[in-house]
Amino acid sequence: MHETAEQMRVPFTPAGDGNPREHLRAALTAHLRYLAHHRGLARRLILGGRGTDPAVREVFEAARWDAIKAAAQFLGLDAENAALRLMGRAAVAALDEATAQWLDSEHDFTVEVMVEALMQLIVSAVRSASVIDPTIEAGAALDLLADNTTGRLTERGPSPHLGQAGES
């Protein structure tokens, strides 16, 4: 259990300097690929992490908080800010649910499309946290999440970009 949590935590470990958006995209890509290749385990972890086994819940809650802290660090935000913690945890719950639905989906959305959708959840969490606490400097973090090629946040059109789940 600890080893699995660690394997899921490693992609979210900050790896020095670089583009925060690309760090987050790479972490989400690695996370989704891992879960797609371990679907049964993924379902148990995502759904079981909400279960009643305190030891399992504790291990995976710690991993979730580590991911929130890493995302905050990537974006230059204070991971201890109460509004960021609240919305970060809400975003992780949404990421978990979206991942569970993706794994069980009859549609074959690509990893890349799922990563972009999950990036939007992160953008929404940062924006929402700044509504709760207007002292949060969300503009700089949102700029870091902007698509380097367009300067826009990772907004896309309605195309579902269908392909094999787990496909790169």
N, C-alpha and C. Protein backbone atom coordinates (compact mmCIF):
# COMPACT_ATOMS: atom_id res chain seq x y z
N MET A 1 0.82 -1.19 0.00
CA MET A 1 0.00 0.00 0.00
C MET A 1 0.87 1.26 0.00
N HIS A 2 1.88 1.30 0.87
CA HIS A 2 2.78 2.45 0.92
C HIS A 2 3.56 2.58 -0.38
N GLU A 3 3.99 1.46 -0.94
CA GLU A 3 4.75 1.48 -2.20
C GLU A 3 3.89 2.01 -3.34
N THR A 4 2.64 1.59 -3.40
CA THR A 4 1.73 2.07 -4.44
C THR A 4 1.50 3.57 -4.29
N ALA A 5 1.27 4.02 -3.07
CA ALA A 5 1.07 5.46 -2.83
C ALA A 5 2.31 6.23 -3.25
N GLU A 6 3.48 5.69 -2.96
CA GLU A 6 4.73 6.36 -3.35
C GLU A 6 4.87 6.43 -4.87
N GLN A 7 4.53 5.34 -5.57
CA GLN A 7 4.60 5.35 -7.03
C GLN A 7 3.66 6.38 -7.62
N MET A 8 2.54 6.60 -6.96
CA MET A 8 1.58 7.59 -7.44
C MET A 8 2.00 9.01 -7.05
N ARG A 9 2.79 9.15 -5.99
CA ARG A 9 3.23 10.45 -5.51
C ARG A 9 4.44 10.98 -6.29
N VAL A 10 5.32 10.09 -6.75
CA VAL A 10 6.57 10.49 -7.38
C VAL A 10 6.39 11.48 -8.54
N PRO A 11 5.45 11.27 -9.46
CA PRO A 11 5.33 12.24 -10.56
C PRO A 11 5.01 13.65 -10.09
N PHE A 12 4.43 13.81 -8.91
CA PHE A 12 4.06 15.12 -8.40
C PHE A 12 5.17 15.76 -7.57
N THR A 13 6.30 15.08 -7.46
CA THR A 13 7.43 15.63 -6.71
C THR A 13 8.11 16.68 -7.56
N PRO A 14 8.24 17.92 -7.06
CA PRO A 14 8.88 18.97 -7.84
C PRO A 14 10.28 18.55 -8.28
N ALA A 15 10.58 18.80 -9.56
CA ALA A 15 11.86 18.38 -10.13
C ALA A 15 12.67 19.58 -10.58
N GLY A 16 12.91 20.51 -9.67
CA GLY A 16 13.74 21.65 -10.01
C GLY A 16 13.01 22.68 -10.85
N ASP A 17 13.80 23.47 -11.54
CA ASP A 17 13.24 24.55 -12.35
C ASP A 17 12.60 24.00 -13.61
N GLY A 18 11.82 24.82 -14.22
CA GLY A 18 11.15 24.43 -15.45
C GLY A 18 9.77 25.05 -15.50
N ASN A 19 9.05 24.71 -16.51
CA ASN A 19 7.73 25.25 -16.73
C ASN A 19 6.72 24.55 -15.81
N PRO A 20 6.08 25.29 -14.89
CA PRO A 20 5.13 24.65 -13.97
C PRO A 20 3.98 23.95 -14.69
N ARG A 21 3.50 24.54 -15.76
CA ARG A 21 2.41 23.92 -16.51
C ARG A 21 2.86 22.56 -17.04
N GLU A 22 4.06 22.51 -17.58
CA GLU A 22 4.57 21.25 -18.11
C GLU A 22 4.84 20.24 -17.01
N HIS A 23 5.31 20.71 -15.84
CA HIS A 23 5.49 19.80 -14.69
C HIS A 23 4.15 19.16 -14.32
N LEU A 24 3.11 19.99 -14.20
CA LEU A 24 1.79 19.46 -13.83
C LEU A 24 1.24 18.54 -14.91
N ARG A 25 1.39 18.93 -16.16
CA ARG A 25 0.91 18.08 -17.26
C ARG A 25 1.63 16.73 -17.25
N ALA A 26 2.94 16.76 -17.06
CA ALA A 26 3.72 15.51 -17.04
C ALA A 26 3.30 14.65 -15.84
N ALA A 27 3.07 15.28 -14.69
CA ALA A 27 2.65 14.52 -13.51
C ALA A 27 1.28 13.89 -13.73
N LEU A 28 0.35 14.66 -14.27
CA LEU A 28 -0.98 14.11 -14.54
C LEU A 28 -0.93 13.01 -15.60
N THR A 29 -0.10 13.20 -16.62
CA THR A 29 0.04 12.19 -17.67
C THR A 29 0.56 10.89 -17.07
N ALA A 30 1.63 10.98 -16.28
CA ALA A 30 2.20 9.78 -15.65
C ALA A 30 1.18 9.12 -14.71
N HIS A 31 0.46 9.93 -13.97
CA HIS A 31 -0.55 9.43 -13.04
C HIS A 31 -1.65 8.68 -13.79
N LEU A 32 -2.19 9.28 -14.85
CA LEU A 32 -3.25 8.62 -15.61
C LEU A 32 -2.76 7.36 -16.31
N ARG A 33 -1.57 7.40 -16.85
CA ARG A 33 -1.03 6.20 -17.50
C ARG A 33 -0.85 5.07 -16.50
N TYR A 34 -0.34 5.40 -15.33
CA TYR A 34 -0.16 4.39 -14.27
C TYR A 34 -1.51 3.78 -13.91
N LEU A 35 -2.50 4.63 -13.68
CA LEU A 35 -3.82 4.14 -13.30
C LEU A 35 -4.49 3.36 -14.42
N ALA A 36 -4.30 3.79 -15.67
CA ALA A 36 -4.89 3.08 -16.81
C ALA A 36 -4.30 1.67 -16.94
N HIS A 37 -3.02 1.53 -16.58
CA HIS A 37 -2.37 0.22 -16.67
C HIS A 37 -2.62 -0.64 -15.43
N HIS A 38 -3.20 -0.04 -14.41
CA HIS A 38 -3.51 -0.75 -13.16
C HIS A 38 -4.96 -0.42 -12.78
N ARG A 39 -5.89 -0.69 -13.69
CA ARG A 39 -7.28 -0.27 -13.52
C ARG A 39 -7.93 -0.82 -12.25
N GLY A 40 -7.76 -2.09 -11.97
CA GLY A 40 -8.36 -2.67 -10.78
C GLY A 40 -7.83 -2.00 -9.52
N LEU A 41 -6.54 -1.84 -9.45
CA LEU A 41 -5.91 -1.17 -8.32
C LEU A 41 -6.41 0.26 -8.24
N ALA A 42 -6.48 0.94 -9.38
CA ALA A 42 -6.93 2.33 -9.39
C ALA A 42 -8.33 2.47 -8.83
N ARG A 43 -9.22 1.61 -9.25
CA ARG A 43 -10.60 1.67 -8.75
C ARG A 43 -10.63 1.45 -7.23
N ARG A 44 -9.86 0.47 -6.77
CA ARG A 44 -9.83 0.20 -5.33
C ARG A 44 -9.26 1.40 -4.56
N LEU A 45 -8.21 2.01 -5.11
CA LEU A 45 -7.58 3.13 -4.41
C LEU A 45 -8.48 4.36 -4.41
N ILE A 46 -9.04 4.68 -5.56
CA ILE A 46 -9.88 5.87 -5.64
C ILE A 46 -11.13 5.69 -4.79
N LEU A 47 -11.79 4.57 -4.97
CA LEU A 47 -13.01 4.33 -4.22
C LEU A 47 -12.71 3.89 -2.79
N GLY A 48 -11.67 3.05 -2.62
CA GLY A 48 -11.30 2.58 -1.29
C GLY A 48 -10.70 3.66 -0.42
N GLY A 49 -10.10 4.66 -1.06
CA GLY A 49 -9.55 5.78 -0.31
C GLY A 49 -10.62 6.56 0.43
N ARG A 50 -11.87 6.39 -0.01
CA ARG A 50 -12.99 7.02 0.67
C ARG A 50 -13.63 6.07 1.67
N GLY A 51 -13.09 4.86 1.75
CA GLY A 51 -13.69 3.81 2.57
C GLY A 51 -13.42 3.95 4.04
N THR A 52 -13.68 2.88 4.74
CA THR A 52 -13.63 2.92 6.19
C THR A 52 -12.31 2.42 6.78
N ASP A 53 -11.43 1.85 5.97
CA ASP A 53 -10.15 1.37 6.51
C ASP A 53 -9.27 2.58 6.81
N PRO A 54 -9.07 2.90 8.10
CA PRO A 54 -8.32 4.10 8.45
C PRO A 54 -6.88 4.10 7.96
N ALA A 55 -6.23 2.94 7.94
CA ALA A 55 -4.84 2.88 7.49
C ALA A 55 -4.73 3.22 6.01
N VAL A 56 -5.61 2.67 5.20
CA VAL A 56 -5.61 2.95 3.76
C VAL A 56 -5.93 4.41 3.53
N ARG A 57 -6.96 4.90 4.19
CA ARG A 57 -7.37 6.29 4.02
C ARG A 57 -6.24 7.24 4.40
N GLU A 58 -5.55 6.95 5.48
CA GLU A 58 -4.46 7.81 5.94
C GLU A 58 -3.32 7.89 4.93
N VAL A 59 -2.93 6.74 4.38
CA VAL A 59 -1.84 6.71 3.41
C VAL A 59 -2.19 7.50 2.16
N PHE A 60 -3.39 7.28 1.65
CA PHE A 60 -3.74 7.95 0.40
C PHE A 60 -4.15 9.40 0.59
N GLU A 61 -4.66 9.75 1.76
CA GLU A 61 -4.91 11.16 2.05
C GLU A 61 -3.58 11.91 2.12
N ALA A 62 -2.58 11.30 2.73
CA ALA A 62 -1.25 11.94 2.78
C ALA A 62 -0.71 12.15 1.38
N ALA A 63 -0.89 11.17 0.50
CA ALA A 63 -0.42 11.31 -0.88
C ALA A 63 -1.18 12.41 -1.59
N ARG A 64 -2.48 12.52 -1.34
CA ARG A 64 -3.27 13.59 -1.96
C ARG A 64 -2.79 14.96 -1.49
N TRP A 65 -2.55 15.10 -0.18
CA TRP A 65 -2.06 16.38 0.33
C TRP A 65 -0.69 16.71 -0.24
N ASP A 66 0.15 15.70 -0.40
CA ASP A 66 1.47 15.94 -1.01
C ASP A 66 1.32 16.46 -2.44
N ALA A 67 0.35 15.91 -3.19
CA ALA A 67 0.10 16.38 -4.56
C ALA A 67 -0.38 17.83 -4.55
N ILE A 68 -1.24 18.17 -3.59
CA ILE A 68 -1.71 19.56 -3.48
C ILE A 68 -0.56 20.49 -3.17
N LYS A 69 0.28 20.09 -2.23
CA LYS A 69 1.44 20.92 -1.87
C LYS A 69 2.39 21.08 -3.05
N ALA A 70 2.61 20.01 -3.80
CA ALA A 70 3.49 20.08 -4.96
C ALA A 70 2.91 21.01 -6.01
N ALA A 71 1.60 20.91 -6.27
CA ALA A 71 0.97 21.78 -7.25
C ALA A 71 1.10 23.24 -6.81
N ALA A 72 0.88 23.50 -5.53
CA ALA A 72 1.03 24.86 -5.02
C ALA A 72 2.47 25.34 -5.21
N GLN A 73 3.42 24.47 -4.93
CA GLN A 73 4.83 24.84 -5.10
C GLN A 73 5.15 25.12 -6.57
N PHE A 74 4.65 24.26 -7.49
CA PHE A 74 4.85 24.49 -8.91
C PHE A 74 4.37 25.88 -9.30
N LEU A 75 3.26 26.31 -8.69
CA LEU A 75 2.60 27.56 -9.09
C LEU A 75 2.99 28.76 -8.25
N GLY A 76 3.91 28.55 -7.31
CA GLY A 76 4.37 29.66 -6.47
C GLY A 76 3.31 30.12 -5.48
N LEU A 77 2.44 29.22 -5.05
CA LEU A 77 1.38 29.54 -4.11
C LEU A 77 1.70 28.96 -2.74
N ASP A 78 1.08 29.53 -1.71
CA ASP A 78 1.28 29.09 -0.34
C ASP A 78 0.39 27.88 -0.06
N ALA A 79 0.97 26.72 0.03
CA ALA A 79 0.21 25.47 0.24
C ALA A 79 -0.48 25.45 1.59
N GLU A 80 -0.10 26.32 2.51
CA GLU A 80 -0.72 26.35 3.83
C GLU A 80 -1.90 27.32 3.89
N ASN A 81 -2.15 28.06 2.83
CA ASN A 81 -3.28 28.98 2.80
C ASN A 81 -4.57 28.17 2.90
N ALA A 82 -5.45 28.56 3.82
CA ALA A 82 -6.67 27.79 4.08
C ALA A 82 -7.57 27.68 2.85
N ALA A 83 -7.72 28.75 2.09
CA ALA A 83 -8.57 28.72 0.89
C ALA A 83 -7.97 27.80 -0.17
N LEU A 84 -6.65 27.84 -0.33
CA LEU A 84 -6.00 26.95 -1.30
C LEU A 84 -6.10 25.49 -0.87
N ARG A 85 -5.99 25.25 0.42
CA ARG A 85 -6.13 23.88 0.92
C ARG A 85 -7.54 23.36 0.67
N LEU A 86 -8.53 24.21 0.96
CA LEU A 86 -9.92 23.83 0.75
C LEU A 86 -10.20 23.52 -0.72
N MET A 87 -9.84 24.43 -1.58
CA MET A 87 -10.13 24.24 -3.00
C MET A 87 -9.19 23.21 -3.62
N GLY A 88 -7.97 23.08 -3.11
CA GLY A 88 -7.07 22.04 -3.58
C GLY A 88 -7.62 20.67 -3.29
N ARG A 89 -8.16 20.49 -2.10
CA ARG A 89 -8.74 19.18 -1.74
C ARG A 89 -10.00 18.91 -2.56
N ALA A 90 -10.79 19.97 -2.80
CA ALA A 90 -11.98 19.80 -3.64
C ALA A 90 -11.57 19.42 -5.07
N ALA A 91 -10.50 20.04 -5.56
CA ALA A 91 -10.02 19.71 -6.91
C ALA A 91 -9.51 18.27 -6.97
N VAL A 92 -8.81 17.82 -5.94
CA VAL A 92 -8.32 16.45 -5.92
C VAL A 92 -9.50 15.47 -5.92
N ALA A 93 -10.55 15.79 -5.17
CA ALA A 93 -11.74 14.94 -5.18
C ALA A 93 -12.34 14.88 -6.59
N ALA A 94 -12.38 16.03 -7.25
CA ALA A 94 -12.90 16.07 -8.63
C ALA A 94 -11.97 15.30 -9.58
N LEU A 95 -10.66 15.43 -9.39
CA LEU A 95 -9.70 14.68 -10.21
C LEU A 95 -9.90 13.18 -10.01
N ASP A 96 -10.06 12.77 -8.77
CA ASP A 96 -10.30 11.35 -8.48
C ASP A 96 -11.56 10.86 -9.16
N GLU A 97 -12.64 11.62 -9.02
CA GLU A 97 -13.91 11.19 -9.61
C GLU A 97 -13.83 11.17 -11.13
N ALA A 98 -13.22 12.20 -11.72
CA ALA A 98 -13.07 12.22 -13.18
C ALA A 98 -12.24 11.03 -13.65
N THR A 99 -11.20 10.70 -12.90
CA THR A 99 -10.35 9.55 -13.26
C THR A 99 -11.13 8.25 -13.15
N ALA A 100 -11.90 8.09 -12.09
CA ALA A 100 -12.71 6.87 -11.93
C ALA A 100 -13.71 6.76 -13.07
N GLN A 101 -14.36 7.86 -13.41
CA GLN A 101 -15.32 7.84 -14.51
C GLN A 101 -14.63 7.53 -15.84
N TRP A 102 -13.45 8.09 -16.04
CA TRP A 102 -12.68 7.84 -17.26
C TRP A 102 -12.31 6.37 -17.38
N LEU A 103 -11.86 5.79 -16.28
CA LEU A 103 -11.47 4.38 -16.30
C LEU A 103 -12.65 3.47 -16.63
N ASP A 104 -13.84 3.88 -16.20
CA ASP A 104 -15.05 3.07 -16.43
C ASP A 104 -15.84 3.50 -17.66
N SER A 105 -15.37 4.52 -18.35
CA SER A 105 -16.13 5.11 -19.44
C SER A 105 -16.22 4.19 -20.65
N GLU A 106 -17.37 4.25 -21.29
CA GLU A 106 -17.53 3.54 -22.56
C GLU A 106 -16.89 4.34 -23.70
N HIS A 107 -16.58 5.60 -23.44
CA HIS A 107 -15.89 6.44 -24.41
C HIS A 107 -14.40 6.31 -24.18
N ASP A 108 -13.66 6.33 -25.24
CA ASP A 108 -12.21 6.18 -25.13
C ASP A 108 -11.54 7.54 -25.28
N PHE A 109 -11.63 8.37 -24.24
CA PHE A 109 -10.97 9.65 -24.27
C PHE A 109 -9.47 9.43 -24.07
N THR A 110 -8.66 10.15 -24.81
CA THR A 110 -7.21 9.97 -24.72
C THR A 110 -6.66 10.53 -23.41
N VAL A 111 -5.50 10.05 -23.05
CA VAL A 111 -4.81 10.58 -21.88
C VAL A 111 -4.60 12.08 -22.04
N GLU A 112 -4.20 12.51 -23.23
CA GLU A 112 -3.92 13.93 -23.46
C GLU A 112 -5.14 14.79 -23.22
N VAL A 113 -6.30 14.36 -23.69
CA VAL A 113 -7.53 15.12 -23.49
C VAL A 113 -7.90 15.13 -22.01
N MET A 114 -7.74 14.02 -21.35
CA MET A 114 -8.03 13.96 -19.91
C MET A 114 -7.10 14.88 -19.14
N VAL A 115 -5.83 14.91 -19.52
CA VAL A 115 -4.89 15.80 -18.84
C VAL A 115 -5.33 17.25 -19.00
N GLU A 116 -5.73 17.64 -20.19
CA GLU A 116 -6.18 19.02 -20.41
C GLU A 116 -7.43 19.31 -19.58
N ALA A 117 -8.35 18.36 -19.50
CA ALA A 117 -9.55 18.54 -18.69
C ALA A 117 -9.19 18.67 -17.21
N LEU A 118 -8.26 17.84 -16.75
CA LEU A 118 -7.85 17.91 -15.35
C LEU A 118 -7.11 19.22 -15.06
N MET A 119 -6.36 19.71 -16.04
CA MET A 119 -5.70 21.01 -15.88
C MET A 119 -6.75 22.10 -15.65
N GLN A 120 -7.89 21.99 -16.32
CA GLN A 120 -8.96 22.96 -16.12
C GLN A 120 -9.50 22.92 -14.69
N LEU A 121 -9.54 21.72 -14.10
CA LEU A 121 -9.96 21.62 -12.71
C LEU A 121 -8.97 22.34 -11.79
N ILE A 122 -7.70 22.25 -12.10
CA ILE A 122 -6.68 22.95 -11.31
C ILE A 122 -6.84 24.46 -11.47
N VAL A 123 -7.05 24.90 -12.71
CA VAL A 123 -7.28 26.33 -12.97
C VAL A 123 -8.49 26.80 -12.16
N SER A 124 -9.56 26.02 -12.19
CA SER A 124 -10.77 26.39 -11.44
C SER A 124 -10.52 26.44 -9.94
N ALA A 125 -9.72 25.53 -9.43
CA ALA A 125 -9.41 25.53 -8.00
C ALA A 125 -8.66 26.79 -7.60
N VAL A 126 -7.69 27.18 -8.42
CA VAL A 126 -6.92 28.39 -8.12
C VAL A 126 -7.84 29.62 -8.17
N ARG A 127 -8.66 29.70 -9.20
CA ARG A 127 -9.60 30.83 -9.31
C ARG A 127 -10.56 30.84 -8.12
N SER A 128 -11.09 29.68 -7.77
CA SER A 128 -12.05 29.60 -6.66
C SER A 128 -11.41 29.96 -5.33
N ALA A 129 -10.19 29.54 -5.12
CA ALA A 129 -9.50 29.89 -3.88
C ALA A 129 -9.33 31.40 -3.77
N SER A 130 -9.08 32.07 -4.90
CA SER A 130 -8.91 33.52 -4.85
C SER A 130 -10.23 34.25 -4.62
N VAL A 131 -11.36 33.59 -4.88
CA VAL A 131 -12.66 34.16 -4.53
C VAL A 131 -12.84 34.11 -3.02
N ILE A 132 -12.44 32.99 -2.42
CA ILE A 132 -12.56 32.83 -0.97
C ILE A 132 -11.59 33.77 -0.25
N ASP A 133 -10.37 33.84 -0.77
CA ASP A 133 -9.33 34.68 -0.16
C ASP A 133 -8.73 35.58 -1.23
N PRO A 134 -9.25 36.80 -1.35
CA PRO A 134 -8.78 37.72 -2.41
C PRO A 134 -7.31 38.13 -2.28
N THR A 135 -6.66 37.79 -1.15
CA THR A 135 -5.24 38.13 -1.02
C THR A 135 -4.34 37.16 -1.80
N ILE A 136 -4.91 36.05 -2.27
CA ILE A 136 -4.13 35.09 -3.05
C ILE A 136 -3.78 35.73 -4.39
N GLU A 137 -2.52 35.68 -4.73
CA GLU A 137 -2.05 36.22 -6.01
C GLU A 137 -2.29 35.19 -7.11
N ALA A 138 -3.55 35.02 -7.49
CA ALA A 138 -3.92 34.00 -8.46
C ALA A 138 -3.44 34.33 -9.86
N GLY A 139 -3.32 35.61 -10.19
CA GLY A 139 -2.93 36.00 -11.55
C GLY A 139 -1.62 35.38 -12.00
N ALA A 140 -0.62 35.41 -11.13
CA ALA A 140 0.68 34.84 -11.48
C ALA A 140 0.58 33.33 -11.66
N ALA A 141 -0.16 32.68 -10.77
CA ALA A 141 -0.32 31.22 -10.89
C ALA A 141 -1.07 30.86 -12.16
N LEU A 142 -2.12 31.62 -12.47
CA LEU A 142 -2.89 31.36 -13.69
C LEU A 142 -2.04 31.63 -14.93
N ASP A 143 -1.18 32.63 -14.87
CA ASP A 143 -0.25 32.87 -15.98
C ASP A 143 0.67 31.67 -16.18
N LEU A 144 1.12 31.06 -15.08
CA LEU A 144 1.98 29.89 -15.18
C LEU A 144 1.24 28.70 -15.79
N LEU A 145 -0.07 28.66 -15.59
CA LEU A 145 -0.87 27.57 -16.17
C LEU A 145 -1.25 27.83 -17.62
N ALA A 146 -0.94 29.03 -18.11
CA ALA A 146 -1.30 29.38 -19.48
C ALA A 146 -0.54 28.51 -20.48
N ASP A 147 -1.19 28.22 -21.57
CA ASP A 147 -0.59 27.48 -22.67
C ASP A 147 0.54 28.33 -23.25
N ASN A 148 1.75 27.79 -23.28
CA ASN A 148 2.91 28.54 -23.77
C ASN A 148 2.77 28.97 -25.22
N THR A 149 2.06 28.20 -26.02
CA THR A 149 1.99 28.52 -27.44
C THR A 149 0.98 29.61 -27.73
N THR A 150 -0.04 29.76 -26.87
CA THR A 150 -1.08 30.75 -27.14
C THR A 150 -1.14 31.84 -26.09
N GLY A 151 -0.55 31.58 -24.91
CA GLY A 151 -0.65 32.54 -23.83
C GLY A 151 -2.00 32.46 -23.11
N ARG A 152 -2.89 31.60 -23.59
CA ARG A 152 -4.21 31.44 -22.98
C ARG A 152 -4.17 30.27 -22.00
N LEU A 153 -5.10 30.31 -21.06
CA LEU A 153 -5.26 29.15 -20.20
C LEU A 153 -5.67 28.00 -21.07
N THR A 154 -5.54 26.81 -20.58
CA THR A 154 -5.71 25.61 -21.41
C THR A 154 -7.16 25.39 -21.81
N GLU A 155 -7.77 26.42 -22.40
CA GLU A 155 -9.15 26.30 -22.85
C GLU A 155 -9.18 25.68 -24.23
N ARG A 156 -10.06 24.75 -24.41
CA ARG A 156 -10.18 24.04 -25.68
C ARG A 156 -11.63 24.06 -26.13
N GLY A 157 -11.85 23.72 -27.36
CA GLY A 157 -13.19 23.63 -27.91
C GLY A 157 -13.88 22.36 -27.44
N PRO A 158 -15.08 22.11 -27.98
CA PRO A 158 -15.90 20.99 -27.49
C PRO A 158 -15.49 19.63 -27.99
N SER A 159 -14.51 19.49 -28.87
CA SER A 159 -14.14 18.20 -29.43
C SER A 159 -13.68 17.23 -28.35
N PRO A 160 -14.24 16.02 -28.30
CA PRO A 160 -13.86 15.07 -27.25
C PRO A 160 -12.56 14.34 -27.53
N HIS A 161 -11.97 14.46 -28.71
CA HIS A 161 -10.70 13.80 -29.04
C HIS A 161 -10.71 12.35 -28.59
N LEU A 162 -11.56 11.57 -29.19
CA LEU A 162 -11.69 10.16 -28.79
C LEU A 162 -10.49 9.36 -29.22
N GLY A 163 -10.15 8.39 -28.42
CA GLY A 163 -9.05 7.46 -28.67
C GLY A 163 -9.07 6.41 -27.59
N GLN A 164 -8.09 5.59 -27.50
CA GLN A 164 -8.05 4.54 -26.48
C GLN A 164 -7.70 5.14 -25.11
N ALA A 165 -8.46 4.78 -24.10
CA ALA A 165 -8.10 5.19 -22.73
C ALA A 165 -6.74 4.58 -22.41
N GLY A 166 -5.86 5.41 -21.91
CA GLY A 166 -4.52 4.94 -21.62
C GLY A 166 -3.57 5.13 -22.79
N GLU A 167 -4.13 5.56 -23.94
CA GLU A 167 -3.31 5.76 -25.12
C GLU A 167 -2.54 7.07 -24.97
N SER A 168 -1.33 7.10 -25.44
CA SER A 168 -0.55 8.33 -25.34
C SER A 168 -0.62 9.12 -26.62
